[in-house]
Amino acid sequence: MTIRPCAIIPTYNHSQVIEDIVVSLRALKLPVFIVDDGSAEKHRHVIAALHAPDQGVTVLRCETNGGKGAAVHHGLELAQKAGYSHAVQLDADGQHDRTVLPDILALSKDYPQALMSGVPVYDESIPKSRLVARYLTHVWVWVETLSFQIKDSMCGFRVYPVADALRVLQEEKIGRHMDFDTEIMVHLFWRGIPVIKIPVGVTYPEGNTSNFQLLADNWRITKMHTRLVFTMLWRLPSILRNRPPKIDPHDNKSWASIEERGMAWGLAFLATTYRLLGYRVCWIVMQPILFYFFLTGRVQRQASRLYWEKMNPLIGDEAKVSFWRLWRHTQSFGRMALDKFSAWVGDVAVSDLKIPNIQELDHVVAEKQGVLVITSHLGNVEICRALSDRDGYVPMTVFAYTANAVKFNQLLAKYNPRAMVNVIEVGDMGPATAIELQDRLDHGEWVIIAGDRTPVTGDKRVSYIPFLGQEAPFSHGPILLGHLLKCPVYSLICLRDGDHFEVHFDLLFDQITLDRKNKNTSIDEYLFSYAQNLENYAKKKPMQWFNFIDFWREME
């Protein structure tokens, strides 16, 4: 989408710095619409003198003061009538750092569907009473949106998608005064408009006059929050259905950029519940927590739906993917997480495991054979890793991206430090690491790497391999590592089966040897074999696929 941006400046008795603001905006070639909301005579003339349509500045005079919201509404209508798609809203008192404007406009071009909103970075000039009052509104907005995405809803520095903003103003009752900024933002969020937060410096200039009416505007804001809370409850199904995705402008769109969901205190609470009351009670306690993350995790729900749309035809299920199916998938993930913790603290016994290919596993352990093990996000391979020190301890080195699971890893380390294994961060592979890994293999160590995750660094070394009926990007990393290490390559998948766990330890390749002349073709053949193995087990236990990303997306 090609955007056509302009700027809107609502003003009421602020004329001291408005000319400087206009100059800044025009330097970026932004057409400017100034809405004079009934300013007193001495300010009116200064503002009116800026009217120069042939130079990209239009001044609209309202004879009576209608409020900031009314002024912005007029400005949005002018912008739409003139054919502009996006509008920068900027207050006329000069509080905001305008040097961030180029960055905000650049982000608007990259994310035209989003509402750009400044998050104030205050200096010492802000009155303490303002900070307290703003924080109260922040808390209410978190309740009204059931989300922490909106960090500050009162900042008057933002970029609106004009059509979406006017649609809200036409269809909803939005406050026309100081309640406007917060209320329109919440309604846009409810309609699925993403919010991108931009830090912006804010100062309160000496001699600056505020248009905030202490009693009247606080009463308006109180009514606004009351209105929003009851509206949220009334429209809850629609609001949950239309939750916008969380957008990080610095996201490289890889799975690694998905932040860990869940607070440390929440994990610690569940751990304490488990230790005091046991597995079954902990599972019951987890349900409302899982349901919260299910409702607020739109990205994960969408990924789950995409997976089931591909899996259903393969398992003979022609039914439409239901809300209930997605919830059951989330519950299965929660069960996996609880099983993982149970295994790490030593509550999963060897008798809980069923190993169809136990002879192969025993042989590798007995011979102290160094192998490369390719795992996946199917099932719960952590069961095996936690039990590795029970009978015939096997030292392991794991290639993992731990940044997005820091809290969970810290919790596991706290409850069972002995179970922690040597971890090499994905992306750390170099000549020195290769030499070290070869030495570890020579001493019978297992090297473990996930095969169903694409590179975290934006590396394009992937091949599109058929998986569940559609080509998906599989990383070259595990195959290249196997070629480098010249060792047997196994797959390891652990699936819950009733009250037991099935451990599937399958030899994939005696050794990976790539054809130098047809290297990519050779890599694809190895990846195809791995993907087929993974697909066969996924179809056996489809509810235990926990790769909650759009696995079939095109990599950029």
Protein backbone atom coordinates (compact mmCIF):
# COMPACT_ATOMS: atom_id res chain seq x y z
CA MET A 1 0.00 0.00 0.00
CA THR A 2 1.29 3.45 -0.96
CA ILE A 3 0.37 5.95 1.71
CA ARG A 4 -0.35 9.66 1.27
CA PRO A 5 0.36 11.33 4.62
CA CYS A 6 -0.56 14.77 5.88
CA ALA A 7 -0.51 16.46 9.30
CA ILE A 8 -3.29 17.72 11.57
CA ILE A 9 -2.69 20.29 14.32
CA PRO A 10 -5.63 20.93 16.66
CA THR A 11 -5.12 24.16 18.58
CA TYR A 12 -6.91 26.23 21.18
CA ASN A 13 -5.08 29.34 22.37
CA HIS A 14 -1.68 27.89 21.48
CA SER A 15 0.07 30.16 19.01
CA GLN A 16 3.53 30.64 20.51
CA VAL A 17 5.32 27.80 18.68
CA ILE A 18 2.80 26.72 16.10
CA GLU A 19 4.72 28.39 13.27
CA ASP A 20 7.86 26.43 14.17
CA ILE A 21 5.81 23.21 14.16
CA VAL A 22 4.45 24.00 10.71
CA VAL A 23 7.95 24.67 9.39
CA SER A 24 9.09 21.27 10.70
CA LEU A 25 6.20 19.53 9.03
CA ARG A 26 6.60 21.33 5.72
CA ALA A 27 10.31 20.47 5.71
CA LEU A 28 9.15 16.86 5.42
CA LYS A 29 6.79 17.91 2.59
CA LEU A 30 3.73 17.14 4.70
CA PRO A 31 0.58 19.09 3.85
CA VAL A 32 -0.69 20.66 7.08
CA PHE A 33 -4.28 21.14 8.29
CA ILE A 34 -4.58 23.45 11.31
CA VAL A 35 -7.91 23.39 13.13
CA ASP A 36 -8.37 26.50 15.28
CA ASP A 37 -10.89 25.37 17.86
CA GLY A 38 -12.29 28.79 18.76
CA SER A 39 -9.08 30.44 20.00
CA ALA A 40 -9.23 33.89 21.63
CA GLU A 41 -8.65 36.92 19.42
CA LYS A 42 -4.92 37.41 20.12
CA HIS A 43 -4.18 33.81 19.14
CA ARG A 44 -6.67 33.71 16.30
CA HIS A 45 -4.79 36.22 14.16
CA VAL A 46 -1.43 34.47 14.58
CA ILE A 47 -2.98 31.15 13.56
CA ALA A 48 -4.98 32.62 10.67
CA ALA A 49 -1.83 34.22 9.25
CA LEU A 50 -0.43 30.73 8.61
CA HIS A 51 -3.18 29.93 6.08
CA ALA A 52 -1.42 29.39 2.74
CA PRO A 53 -3.07 26.59 0.70
CA ASP A 54 -0.71 27.13 -2.23
CA GLN A 55 2.18 26.38 0.18
CA GLY A 56 0.51 23.32 1.72
CA VAL A 57 -0.96 24.92 4.86
CA THR A 58 -4.72 25.10 5.43
CA VAL A 59 -6.32 26.73 8.47
CA LEU A 60 -9.89 25.87 9.46
CA ARG A 61 -11.51 28.18 11.99
CA CYS A 62 -14.22 26.90 14.36
CA GLU A 63 -16.04 29.85 15.91
CA THR A 64 -16.88 27.99 19.11
CA ASN A 65 -14.66 25.72 21.16
CA GLY A 66 -15.79 22.13 20.61
CA GLY A 67 -12.92 20.31 22.28
CA LYS A 68 -9.74 18.66 21.10
CA GLY A 69 -11.54 15.57 19.84
CA ALA A 70 -13.91 17.64 17.74
CA ALA A 71 -10.96 19.53 16.25
CA VAL A 72 -9.13 16.32 15.30
CA HIS A 73 -12.37 14.99 13.79
CA HIS A 74 -12.62 18.08 11.58
CA GLY A 75 -8.99 17.64 10.57
CA LEU A 76 -9.49 13.98 9.62
CA GLU A 77 -12.45 14.91 7.46
CA LEU A 78 -10.36 17.55 5.69
CA ALA A 79 -7.60 15.00 5.15
CA GLN A 80 -9.94 12.43 3.66
CA LYS A 81 -11.63 14.96 1.41
CA ALA A 82 -8.22 16.00 0.09
CA GLY A 83 -7.31 12.36 -0.63
CA TYR A 84 -4.83 11.64 2.16
CA SER A 85 -4.61 8.13 3.60
CA HIS A 86 -2.75 8.85 6.86
CA ALA A 87 -2.66 11.82 9.21
CA VAL A 88 -0.01 12.82 11.72
CA GLN A 89 -1.71 14.30 14.77
CA LEU A 90 0.57 16.74 16.58
CA ASP A 91 -0.33 19.00 19.49
CA ALA A 92 0.26 22.74 19.02
CA ASP A 93 2.03 23.42 22.33
CA GLY A 94 5.45 22.16 21.20
CA GLN A 95 5.81 19.51 23.91
CA HIS A 96 6.77 16.67 21.55
CA ASP A 97 10.18 16.00 20.05
CA ARG A 98 9.60 16.47 16.31
CA THR A 99 12.92 14.94 15.30
CA VAL A 100 11.30 11.48 15.40
CA LEU A 101 8.86 12.42 12.62
CA PRO A 102 10.93 10.89 9.78
CA ASP A 103 11.11 7.57 11.66
CA ILE A 104 7.38 7.56 12.32
CA LEU A 105 6.57 8.28 8.69
CA ALA A 106 8.93 5.53 7.54
CA LEU A 107 7.19 3.04 9.84
CA SER A 108 3.81 4.14 8.53
CA LYS A 109 4.95 3.19 5.05
CA ASP A 110 6.08 -0.22 6.29
CA TYR A 111 2.94 -0.80 8.39
CA PRO A 112 0.13 1.19 6.74
CA GLN A 113 -2.55 -0.81 8.59
CA ALA A 114 -1.29 0.26 12.02
CA LEU A 115 -1.86 3.19 14.34
CA MET A 116 1.48 4.78 15.23
CA SER A 117 1.44 6.20 18.73
CA GLY A 118 4.04 8.09 20.72
CA VAL A 119 5.06 6.76 24.11
CA PRO A 120 6.24 9.79 26.13
CA VAL A 121 9.75 9.92 27.49
CA TYR A 122 9.50 12.75 30.03
CA ASP A 123 12.17 15.07 31.34
CA GLU A 124 12.17 16.64 34.81
CA SER A 125 9.65 19.31 33.79
CA ILE A 126 6.57 17.08 34.02
CA PRO A 127 4.37 17.72 37.08
CA LYS A 128 4.21 14.63 39.29
CA SER A 129 0.41 14.86 39.43
CA ARG A 130 0.30 14.34 35.66
CA LEU A 131 2.29 11.12 35.91
CA VAL A 132 -0.04 9.66 38.55
CA ALA A 133 -3.19 10.61 36.63
CA ARG A 134 -1.86 9.17 33.39
CA TYR A 135 -0.96 5.89 35.06
CA LEU A 136 -4.53 5.43 36.28
CA THR A 137 -5.74 5.73 32.70
CA HIS A 138 -3.08 3.26 31.53
CA VAL A 139 -4.37 0.66 34.00
CA TRP A 140 -7.97 1.11 32.87
CA VAL A 141 -6.95 0.81 29.21
CA TRP A 142 -5.18 -2.48 29.97
CA VAL A 143 -8.43 -3.74 31.49
CA GLU A 144 -10.55 -2.45 28.60
CA THR A 145 -8.33 -3.99 25.92
CA LEU A 146 -7.41 -7.14 27.91
CA SER A 147 -3.88 -6.41 26.77
CA PHE A 148 -0.71 -4.54 27.70
CA GLN A 149 -0.04 -3.53 24.10
CA ILE A 150 -1.14 0.08 24.56
CA LYS A 151 1.54 1.63 26.75
CA ASP A 152 0.20 5.19 26.65
CA SER A 153 -3.19 6.17 25.23
CA MET A 154 -3.02 9.89 26.07
CA CYS A 155 -0.11 11.02 23.92
CA GLY A 156 -1.19 13.57 21.31
CA PHE A 157 1.51 12.51 18.86
CA ARG A 158 0.33 9.73 16.55
CA VAL A 159 -0.37 8.71 12.95
CA TYR A 160 -3.92 7.63 12.10
CA PRO A 161 -5.04 5.52 9.17
CA VAL A 162 -7.63 8.12 8.14
CA ALA A 163 -10.37 5.81 6.83
CA ASP A 164 -10.28 3.56 9.93
CA ALA A 165 -10.33 6.52 12.32
CA LEU A 166 -13.29 8.16 10.56
CA ARG A 167 -15.18 4.87 10.48
CA VAL A 168 -14.90 4.69 14.29
CA LEU A 169 -15.99 8.32 14.63
CA GLN A 170 -19.02 7.68 12.42
CA GLU A 171 -20.11 4.46 14.10
CA GLU A 172 -19.23 5.03 17.76
CA LYS A 173 -19.83 7.68 20.38
CA ILE A 174 -16.33 9.08 20.95
CA GLY A 175 -15.54 11.84 23.43
CA ARG A 176 -14.93 15.27 21.92
CA HIS A 177 -12.62 16.69 24.55
CA MET A 178 -9.57 15.33 26.43
CA ASP A 179 -11.18 11.90 26.48
CA PHE A 180 -10.81 11.64 22.70
CA ASP A 181 -7.23 10.33 22.37
CA THR A 182 -7.79 7.37 24.68
CA GLU A 183 -11.27 6.43 23.52
CA ILE A 184 -10.58 6.36 19.79
CA MET A 185 -7.41 4.33 20.36
CA VAL A 186 -9.28 1.69 22.38
CA HIS A 187 -12.01 1.43 19.73
CA LEU A 188 -9.43 1.09 16.94
CA PHE A 189 -7.72 -1.67 18.95
CA TRP A 190 -11.05 -3.46 19.40
CA ARG A 191 -11.45 -3.44 15.61
CA GLY A 192 -8.13 -5.16 15.04
CA ILE A 193 -5.98 -2.12 14.23
CA PRO A 194 -2.42 -2.83 15.46
CA VAL A 195 -0.69 -0.24 17.63
CA ILE A 196 3.01 0.47 17.09
CA LYS A 197 4.67 2.34 19.93
CA ILE A 198 7.27 5.02 19.23
CA PRO A 199 9.29 6.59 22.09
CA VAL A 200 9.05 10.37 21.85
CA GLY A 201 10.64 12.98 24.10
CA VAL A 202 8.17 15.23 25.93
CA THR A 203 8.91 18.44 27.78
CA TYR A 204 6.68 20.97 29.49
CA PRO A 205 7.98 24.37 28.32
CA GLU A 206 8.15 27.18 30.86
CA GLY A 207 5.07 29.33 30.63
CA ASN A 208 3.13 26.63 28.79
CA THR A 209 -0.62 26.81 29.38
CA SER A 210 -2.69 23.66 29.59
CA ASN A 211 -6.21 23.35 28.20
CA PHE A 212 -6.97 20.50 30.60
CA GLN A 213 -9.98 21.39 32.77
CA LEU A 214 -9.34 19.67 36.08
CA LEU A 215 -12.91 18.89 37.13
CA ALA A 216 -14.70 18.75 33.78
CA ASP A 217 -12.11 16.65 31.94
CA ASN A 218 -11.54 14.26 34.83
CA TRP A 219 -15.30 13.71 34.95
CA ARG A 220 -15.33 13.12 31.18
CA ILE A 221 -12.48 10.62 31.48
CA THR A 222 -14.24 8.81 34.34
CA LYS A 223 -17.40 8.49 32.23
CA MET A 224 -15.32 7.37 29.26
CA HIS A 225 -13.69 4.51 31.18
CA THR A 226 -17.06 3.44 32.59
CA ARG A 227 -18.48 3.43 29.08
CA LEU A 228 -15.53 1.48 27.69
CA VAL A 229 -15.59 -1.18 30.42
CA PHE A 230 -19.30 -1.93 29.94
CA THR A 231 -18.94 -1.85 26.17
CA MET A 232 -16.01 -4.26 26.43
CA LEU A 233 -18.11 -6.72 28.45
CA TRP A 234 -21.04 -6.41 26.02
CA ARG A 235 -18.88 -6.92 22.92
CA LEU A 236 -16.40 -9.38 24.42
CA PRO A 237 -16.72 -12.12 21.74
CA SER A 238 -16.17 -9.63 18.93
CA ILE A 239 -13.29 -7.93 20.74
CA LEU A 240 -11.52 -11.23 21.37
CA ARG A 241 -12.08 -12.33 17.79
CA ASN A 242 -10.58 -9.13 16.37
CA ARG A 243 -7.55 -8.76 18.62
CA PRO A 244 -4.75 -7.13 16.61
CA PRO A 245 -1.36 -8.79 16.31
CA LYS A 246 1.52 -7.36 18.28
CA ILE A 247 3.94 -5.74 15.84
CA ASP A 248 7.60 -5.17 16.62
CA PRO A 249 9.16 -2.91 13.95
CA HIS A 250 12.52 -4.54 14.65
CA ASP A 251 11.11 -8.04 14.22
CA ASN A 252 13.00 -10.07 11.63
CA LYS A 253 9.80 -12.12 11.26
CA SER A 254 11.48 -15.27 12.51
CA TRP A 255 10.09 -17.52 15.21
CA ALA A 256 12.83 -16.30 17.54
CA SER A 257 11.34 -12.81 17.69
CA ILE A 258 8.21 -14.09 19.46
CA GLU A 259 8.71 -13.02 23.04
CA GLU A 260 8.21 -15.41 25.92
CA ARG A 261 4.62 -15.21 27.08
CA GLY A 262 4.04 -15.47 30.81
CA MET A 263 5.38 -13.76 33.88
CA ALA A 264 8.08 -15.21 36.11
CA TRP A 265 5.73 -15.00 39.08
CA GLY A 266 3.13 -17.05 37.19
CA LEU A 267 5.60 -19.83 36.47
CA ALA A 268 6.85 -19.76 40.03
CA PHE A 269 3.25 -19.94 41.28
CA LEU A 270 2.55 -23.03 39.18
CA ALA A 271 5.82 -24.61 40.31
CA THR A 272 4.90 -24.05 43.96
CA THR A 273 1.40 -25.42 43.35
CA TYR A 274 2.91 -28.51 41.74
CA ARG A 275 5.30 -29.16 44.61
CA LEU A 276 2.67 -28.62 47.33
CA LEU A 277 -0.48 -30.08 45.76
CA GLY A 278 0.72 -32.37 43.01
CA TYR A 279 0.23 -32.85 39.29
CA ARG A 280 -3.58 -33.12 39.15
CA VAL A 281 -4.32 -30.02 41.22
CA CYS A 282 -1.72 -28.04 39.30
CA TRP A 283 -3.38 -29.08 36.03
CA ILE A 284 -6.73 -27.77 37.30
CA VAL A 285 -5.17 -24.51 38.48
CA MET A 286 -3.55 -24.05 35.07
CA GLN A 287 -6.86 -23.97 33.17
CA PRO A 288 -7.84 -20.30 33.66
CA ILE A 289 -4.22 -19.29 33.00
CA LEU A 290 -4.15 -21.29 29.77
CA PHE A 291 -7.50 -19.84 28.77
CA TYR A 292 -6.21 -16.31 29.28
CA PHE A 293 -3.22 -16.95 27.03
CA PHE A 294 -5.48 -18.69 24.53
CA LEU A 295 -7.77 -15.67 24.31
CA THR A 296 -4.95 -13.12 24.13
CA GLY A 297 -2.62 -15.15 21.89
CA ARG A 298 -4.00 -14.28 18.48
CA VAL A 299 -0.76 -15.11 16.65
CA GLN A 300 -0.62 -18.55 18.25
CA ARG A 301 -4.33 -19.20 17.53
CA GLN A 302 -3.85 -18.28 13.89
CA ALA A 303 -0.84 -20.59 13.64
CA SER A 304 -2.85 -23.40 15.24
CA ARG A 305 -5.72 -22.86 12.78
CA LEU A 306 -3.35 -22.95 9.80
CA TYR A 307 -1.88 -26.21 11.07
CA TRP A 308 -5.28 -27.88 11.51
CA GLU A 309 -6.46 -26.72 8.09
CA LYS A 310 -3.56 -28.70 6.63
CA MET A 311 -3.70 -31.65 9.02
CA ASN A 312 -7.45 -32.36 8.94
CA PRO A 313 -7.63 -33.67 5.35
CA LEU A 314 -4.66 -35.96 6.02
CA ILE A 315 -6.34 -37.63 9.01
CA GLY A 316 -9.76 -37.84 7.34
CA ASP A 317 -11.40 -35.03 9.29
CA GLU A 318 -13.50 -32.85 6.98
CA ALA A 319 -14.96 -30.71 9.78
CA LYS A 320 -14.27 -26.99 9.88
CA VAL A 321 -11.60 -26.01 12.41
CA SER A 322 -13.56 -24.97 15.49
CA PHE A 323 -12.85 -22.68 18.40
CA TRP A 324 -13.05 -25.80 20.58
CA ARG A 325 -10.37 -27.57 18.52
CA LEU A 326 -8.02 -24.60 18.94
CA TRP A 327 -8.65 -24.54 22.69
CA ARG A 328 -7.96 -28.27 22.97
CA HIS A 329 -4.68 -27.68 21.11
CA THR A 330 -3.75 -25.02 23.68
CA GLN A 331 -4.62 -27.41 26.49
CA SER A 332 -2.39 -30.03 24.92
CA PHE A 333 0.44 -27.50 24.92
CA GLY A 334 -0.22 -26.77 28.59
CA ARG A 335 -0.13 -30.49 29.37
CA MET A 336 3.22 -30.73 27.57
CA ALA A 337 4.64 -27.85 29.63
CA LEU A 338 3.46 -29.50 32.87
CA ASP A 339 4.91 -32.85 31.80
CA LYS A 340 8.18 -31.11 31.03
CA PHE A 341 8.38 -29.65 34.54
CA SER A 342 7.35 -33.00 36.02
CA ALA A 343 10.18 -34.73 34.17
CA TRP A 344 12.77 -32.14 35.15
CA VAL A 345 12.01 -32.51 38.87
CA GLY A 346 12.28 -36.30 38.58
CA ASP A 347 8.61 -37.33 38.76
CA VAL A 348 8.60 -39.23 35.46
CA ALA A 349 9.95 -42.77 35.92
CA VAL A 350 11.59 -45.04 33.38
CA SER A 351 8.51 -47.26 33.70
CA ASP A 352 6.45 -44.40 32.24
CA LEU A 353 8.34 -44.74 28.94
CA LYS A 354 7.57 -47.06 26.05
CA ILE A 355 10.47 -47.34 23.59
CA PRO A 356 9.56 -49.33 20.45
CA ASN A 357 13.14 -49.25 19.17
CA ILE A 358 14.81 -49.79 22.52
CA GLN A 359 17.50 -52.09 21.09
CA GLU A 360 18.86 -49.30 18.90
CA LEU A 361 18.85 -46.85 21.80
CA ASP A 362 20.59 -49.29 24.14
CA HIS A 363 23.20 -50.05 21.51
CA VAL A 364 24.09 -46.37 20.99
CA VAL A 365 24.29 -45.76 24.75
CA ALA A 366 26.30 -48.91 25.46
CA GLU A 367 28.78 -48.22 22.69
CA LYS A 368 29.16 -44.61 23.85
CA GLN A 369 28.62 -43.59 20.27
CA GLY A 370 28.59 -39.88 19.47
CA VAL A 371 25.56 -39.06 17.32
CA LEU A 372 23.67 -36.08 15.94
CA VAL A 373 20.03 -36.07 17.06
CA ILE A 374 17.47 -33.99 15.15
CA THR A 375 14.44 -33.19 17.28
CA SER A 376 11.32 -31.16 16.61
CA HIS A 377 8.43 -29.35 18.28
CA LEU A 378 6.29 -32.46 17.98
CA GLY A 379 5.65 -34.08 21.33
CA ASN A 380 7.86 -33.55 24.37
CA VAL A 381 11.47 -34.52 23.83
CA GLU A 382 12.32 -32.90 27.19
CA ILE A 383 11.04 -36.10 28.82
CA CYS A 384 14.06 -37.92 27.40
CA ARG A 385 16.53 -35.17 28.21
CA ALA A 386 15.42 -34.97 31.83
CA LEU A 387 15.77 -38.74 32.25
CA SER A 388 19.16 -38.94 30.57
CA ASP A 389 20.96 -39.21 33.91
CA ARG A 390 18.88 -42.17 35.16
CA ASP A 391 20.35 -45.29 33.55
CA GLY A 392 23.44 -44.86 31.46
CA TYR A 393 23.95 -41.11 31.52
CA VAL A 394 24.54 -39.59 28.09
CA PRO A 395 26.17 -36.13 28.01
CA MET A 396 24.42 -33.80 25.58
CA THR A 397 25.07 -30.52 23.82
CA VAL A 398 21.95 -28.76 22.61
CA PHE A 399 21.74 -26.14 19.88
CA ALA A 400 18.91 -23.92 21.11
CA TYR A 401 17.53 -20.40 20.99
CA THR A 402 17.02 -19.79 24.70
CA ALA A 403 16.31 -16.03 24.67
CA ASN A 404 12.58 -16.58 24.18
CA ALA A 405 12.33 -19.11 27.03
CA VAL A 406 14.51 -17.49 29.67
CA LYS A 407 11.98 -17.54 32.50
CA PHE A 408 11.09 -21.20 32.03
CA ASN A 409 14.75 -22.24 31.79
CA GLN A 410 15.56 -20.29 34.96
CA LEU A 411 12.71 -22.04 36.75
CA LEU A 412 13.89 -25.49 35.66
CA ALA A 413 17.45 -24.70 36.74
CA LYS A 414 16.19 -23.65 40.16
CA TYR A 415 14.33 -26.91 40.77
CA ASN A 416 16.84 -29.31 39.24
CA PRO A 417 20.30 -27.84 38.52
CA ARG A 418 21.67 -31.33 37.75
CA ALA A 419 19.34 -31.70 34.78
CA MET A 420 20.73 -28.70 32.89
CA VAL A 421 22.75 -29.60 29.80
CA ASN A 422 25.37 -27.78 27.81
CA VAL A 423 23.61 -25.31 25.51
CA ILE A 424 25.10 -23.57 22.48
CA GLU A 425 23.10 -20.61 21.25
CA VAL A 426 21.82 -20.90 17.70
CA GLY A 427 24.02 -18.62 15.59
CA ASP A 428 27.18 -19.35 17.60
CA MET A 429 28.44 -21.98 15.14
CA GLY A 430 31.99 -21.29 13.93
CA PRO A 431 35.24 -23.19 13.30
CA ALA A 432 36.11 -23.34 17.01
CA THR A 433 32.63 -24.67 17.83
CA ALA A 434 32.91 -27.31 15.11
CA ILE A 435 36.22 -28.57 16.54
CA GLU A 436 34.74 -28.66 20.03
CA LEU A 437 31.67 -30.59 18.83
CA GLN A 438 33.81 -33.16 17.05
CA ASP A 439 35.76 -33.71 20.26
CA ARG A 440 32.50 -34.15 22.18
CA LEU A 441 31.27 -36.72 19.65
CA ASP A 442 34.53 -38.63 19.94
CA HIS A 443 33.82 -38.97 23.68
CA GLY A 444 30.32 -40.34 23.08
CA GLU A 445 28.33 -37.15 23.49
CA TRP A 446 25.06 -36.47 21.66
CA VAL A 447 24.63 -33.23 19.73
CA ILE A 448 20.98 -32.17 19.52
CA ILE A 449 19.39 -29.65 17.15
CA ALA A 450 15.77 -28.87 16.17
CA GLY A 451 15.00 -29.50 12.52
CA ASP A 452 11.65 -27.70 12.29
CA ARG A 453 12.78 -24.14 12.91
CA THR A 454 14.07 -21.70 10.31
CA PRO A 455 17.26 -19.63 10.88
CA VAL A 456 16.91 -16.92 13.53
CA THR A 457 19.30 -14.49 11.87
CA GLY A 458 17.36 -14.00 8.65
CA ASP A 459 19.69 -16.45 6.87
CA LYS A 460 17.96 -17.55 3.68
CA ARG A 461 19.56 -21.04 3.63
CA VAL A 462 16.30 -22.97 3.57
CA SER A 463 14.63 -25.39 1.19
CA TYR A 464 10.90 -25.65 0.60
CA ILE A 465 10.00 -29.26 1.34
CA PRO A 466 6.50 -30.86 1.17
CA PHE A 467 5.07 -31.12 4.67
CA LEU A 468 1.41 -31.79 5.51
CA GLY A 469 0.35 -31.10 1.95
CA GLN A 470 2.20 -27.81 1.38
CA GLU A 471 5.80 -26.82 0.95
CA ALA A 472 7.37 -25.41 4.11
CA PRO A 473 10.81 -23.84 4.70
CA PHE A 474 13.24 -26.24 6.38
CA SER A 475 16.63 -24.96 7.47
CA HIS A 476 19.81 -26.36 5.94
CA GLY A 477 21.47 -26.08 9.36
CA PRO A 478 20.94 -29.64 10.69
CA ILE A 479 22.01 -31.22 7.39
CA LEU A 480 25.11 -29.06 7.10
CA LEU A 481 25.99 -29.85 10.71
CA GLY A 482 25.59 -33.58 10.05
CA HIS A 483 27.79 -33.32 6.94
CA LEU A 484 30.43 -31.52 9.00
CA LEU A 485 30.42 -33.98 11.91
CA LYS A 486 30.41 -37.20 9.83
CA CYS A 487 28.43 -39.18 12.39
CA PRO A 488 25.17 -41.18 12.48
CA VAL A 489 22.03 -39.01 12.49
CA TYR A 490 18.92 -39.94 14.46
CA SER A 491 15.51 -38.44 15.02
CA LEU A 492 14.10 -38.36 18.55
CA ILE A 493 10.39 -37.82 19.15
CA CYS A 494 8.53 -38.38 22.43
CA LEU A 495 4.71 -38.56 22.25
CA ARG A 496 2.28 -38.78 25.16
CA ASP A 497 0.11 -41.90 24.86
CA GLY A 498 -2.42 -41.98 27.66
CA ASP A 499 -0.49 -42.15 30.91
CA HIS A 500 2.74 -43.18 29.18
CA PHE A 501 5.23 -41.65 26.78
CA GLU A 502 6.34 -43.26 23.54
CA VAL A 503 9.99 -42.54 22.73
CA HIS A 504 10.79 -42.96 19.05
CA PHE A 505 14.54 -43.14 18.39
CA ASP A 506 14.99 -43.69 14.66
CA LEU A 507 18.13 -43.84 12.56
CA LEU A 508 17.70 -41.33 9.74
CA PHE A 509 21.12 -41.53 8.10
CA ASP A 510 24.25 -43.57 8.74
CA GLN A 511 26.14 -40.46 7.69
CA ILE A 512 25.35 -37.30 5.75
CA THR A 513 27.54 -36.84 2.71
CA LEU A 514 26.72 -33.98 0.36
CA ASP A 515 27.39 -34.09 -3.35
CA ARG A 516 29.71 -31.15 -4.04
CA LYS A 517 28.45 -30.68 -7.60
CA ASN A 518 24.76 -30.84 -6.61
CA LYS A 519 24.93 -29.69 -3.02
CA ASN A 520 21.48 -28.08 -2.82
CA THR A 521 19.79 -31.08 -4.43
CA SER A 522 21.59 -33.36 -2.00
CA ILE A 523 20.47 -31.22 0.97
CA ASP A 524 16.87 -31.31 -0.28
CA GLU A 525 16.92 -35.11 -0.42
CA TYR A 526 18.06 -35.36 3.20
CA LEU A 527 15.52 -32.76 4.32
CA PHE A 528 12.74 -34.59 2.48
CA SER A 529 13.52 -37.78 4.43
CA TYR A 530 13.48 -35.87 7.72
CA ALA A 531 10.21 -34.09 6.85
CA GLN A 532 8.52 -37.37 5.91
CA ASN A 533 9.56 -38.92 9.21
CA LEU A 534 8.21 -35.89 11.09
CA GLU A 535 4.93 -35.90 9.14
CA ASN A 536 4.30 -39.60 9.81
CA TYR A 537 4.54 -39.10 13.57
CA ALA A 538 2.55 -35.84 13.46
CA LYS A 539 -0.37 -37.66 11.82
CA LYS A 540 -0.30 -40.26 14.62
CA LYS A 541 -0.59 -37.62 17.38
CA PRO A 542 -1.75 -34.41 15.63
CA MET A 543 -2.72 -32.68 18.87
CA GLN A 544 0.94 -32.75 19.98
CA TRP A 545 2.30 -30.39 17.31
CA PHE A 546 3.58 -27.37 19.27
CA ASN A 547 5.30 -25.26 16.62
CA PHE A 548 2.98 -22.27 17.11
CA ILE A 549 4.17 -20.24 14.15
CA ASP A 550 3.06 -20.00 10.53
CA PHE A 551 5.39 -22.81 9.54
CA TRP A 552 4.45 -22.60 5.85
CA ARG A 553 5.09 -18.89 5.37
CA GLU A 554 7.31 -17.49 2.65
CA MET A 555 10.59 -16.30 4.16
CA GLU A 556 11.46 -12.72 3.21
